[in-house]
């Protein structure tokens, strides 16, 4: 009946038949980890933000930086449009 003895799971030694690559085929990692330093150093959120800011400032691809800046500005203007922001607040009333 097996009340005192627990059943063990079966273990199989599986190796892929046609895999000829390096390392383990079962290793799980993100495909962009080789390009980002911010995700590799897990020492707190402040360190991650500082590393991401350094990557942004020292990025040799200026087109990507301009694209990110354009997207951020577009999102800010879309948000201001949605809340009906009025620019007449900044004009001087006489």
Protein backbone atom coordinates (compact mmCIF):
# COMPACT_ATOMS: atom_id res chain seq x y z
CA UNK A 1 0.00 0.00 0.00
CA UNK A 2 2.95 2.32 0.47
CA UNK A 3 1.94 4.48 3.41
CA UNK A 4 5.43 4.79 4.87
CA UNK A 5 7.35 4.61 1.62
CA UNK A 6 7.04 7.52 -0.86
CA UNK A 7 7.25 6.89 -4.54
CA UNK A 8 10.25 8.34 -6.41
CA UNK A 9 10.01 10.06 -9.75
CA UNK A 10 11.53 8.38 -12.77
CA UNK A 11 14.70 9.95 -14.07
CA UNK A 12 15.78 9.82 -17.69
CA UNK A 13 19.15 10.66 -19.18
CA UNK A 14 18.14 12.55 -22.33
CA UNK A 15 20.57 13.94 -24.83
CA UNK A 16 19.34 15.59 -28.04
CA UNK A 17 20.08 13.53 -31.13
CA UNK A 18 20.82 16.25 -33.67
CA UNK A 19 22.20 19.07 -31.48
CA UNK A 20 25.74 20.04 -32.51
CA UNK A 21 26.03 23.48 -30.83
CA UNK A 22 28.12 24.66 -27.93
CA UNK A 23 26.98 24.46 -24.33
CA UNK A 24 23.75 23.05 -23.04
CA UNK A 25 20.72 23.21 -25.34
CA UNK A 26 18.52 23.48 -22.24
CA UNK A 27 20.08 26.70 -20.92
CA UNK A 28 17.43 29.43 -20.62
CA UNK A 29 18.62 32.98 -21.24
CA UNK A 30 17.30 36.08 -22.91
CA UNK A 31 18.59 36.77 -26.38
CA UNK A 32 19.60 40.36 -25.54
CA UNK A 33 21.62 39.60 -22.40
CA UNK A 34 24.86 39.72 -24.37
CA UNK A 35 24.16 43.32 -25.39
CA UNK A 36 22.91 44.82 -22.11
CA UNK A 37 25.02 45.44 -19.06
CA UNK A 38 22.12 46.63 -16.89
CA UNK A 39 20.52 43.20 -16.68
CA UNK A 40 23.73 41.36 -15.89
CA UNK A 41 24.51 43.29 -12.71
CA UNK A 42 21.83 42.54 -10.13
CA UNK A 43 22.90 44.88 -7.34
CA UNK A 44 19.81 46.98 -6.80
CA UNK A 45 17.62 49.26 -8.81
CA UNK A 46 19.87 52.32 -8.41
CA UNK A 47 22.83 50.46 -9.90
CA UNK A 48 20.66 49.18 -12.76
CA UNK A 49 19.44 52.70 -13.54
CA UNK A 50 22.97 54.11 -13.41
CA UNK A 51 24.25 51.37 -15.72
CA UNK A 52 21.36 51.89 -18.14
CA UNK A 53 22.00 55.65 -18.14
CA UNK A 54 25.71 55.07 -18.87
CA UNK A 55 24.77 52.74 -21.73
CA UNK A 56 22.44 55.38 -23.12
CA UNK A 57 25.04 58.16 -22.87
CA UNK A 58 27.90 56.09 -24.32
CA UNK A 59 25.88 54.38 -27.03
CA UNK A 60 27.68 54.74 -30.38
CA UNK A 61 24.38 54.46 -32.26
CA UNK A 62 23.06 58.04 -32.23
CA UNK A 63 20.07 57.11 -34.41
CA UNK A 64 18.78 54.86 -31.64
CA UNK A 65 19.17 57.64 -29.09
CA UNK A 66 17.25 60.07 -31.30
CA UNK A 67 14.54 57.48 -31.88
CA UNK A 68 14.13 56.93 -28.13
CA UNK A 69 13.97 60.69 -27.53
CA UNK A 70 11.36 61.07 -30.28
CA UNK A 71 9.22 58.28 -28.84
CA UNK A 72 9.39 59.77 -25.33
CA UNK A 73 8.41 63.23 -26.61
CA UNK A 74 5.57 61.75 -28.64
CA UNK A 75 4.22 59.93 -25.59
CA UNK A 76 4.44 63.08 -23.46
CA UNK A 77 2.55 65.12 -26.06
CA UNK A 78 -0.07 62.38 -26.44
CA UNK A 79 -0.57 62.37 -22.66
CA UNK A 80 -0.90 66.16 -22.55
CA UNK A 81 -3.39 66.05 -25.41
CA UNK A 82 -5.47 63.40 -23.64
CA UNK A 83 -5.75 65.44 -20.44
CA UNK A 84 -6.58 68.62 -22.43
CA UNK A 85 -3.56 70.54 -21.19
CA UNK A 86 -3.95 74.26 -21.78
CA UNK A 87 -0.85 76.28 -22.64
CA UNK A 88 -2.59 79.53 -21.70
CA UNK A 89 -1.56 78.84 -18.10
CA UNK A 90 1.93 80.09 -18.96
CA UNK A 91 0.91 83.35 -20.58
CA UNK A 92 0.91 86.52 -18.49
CA UNK A 93 -2.46 87.98 -17.75
CA UNK A 94 -2.48 91.79 -17.88
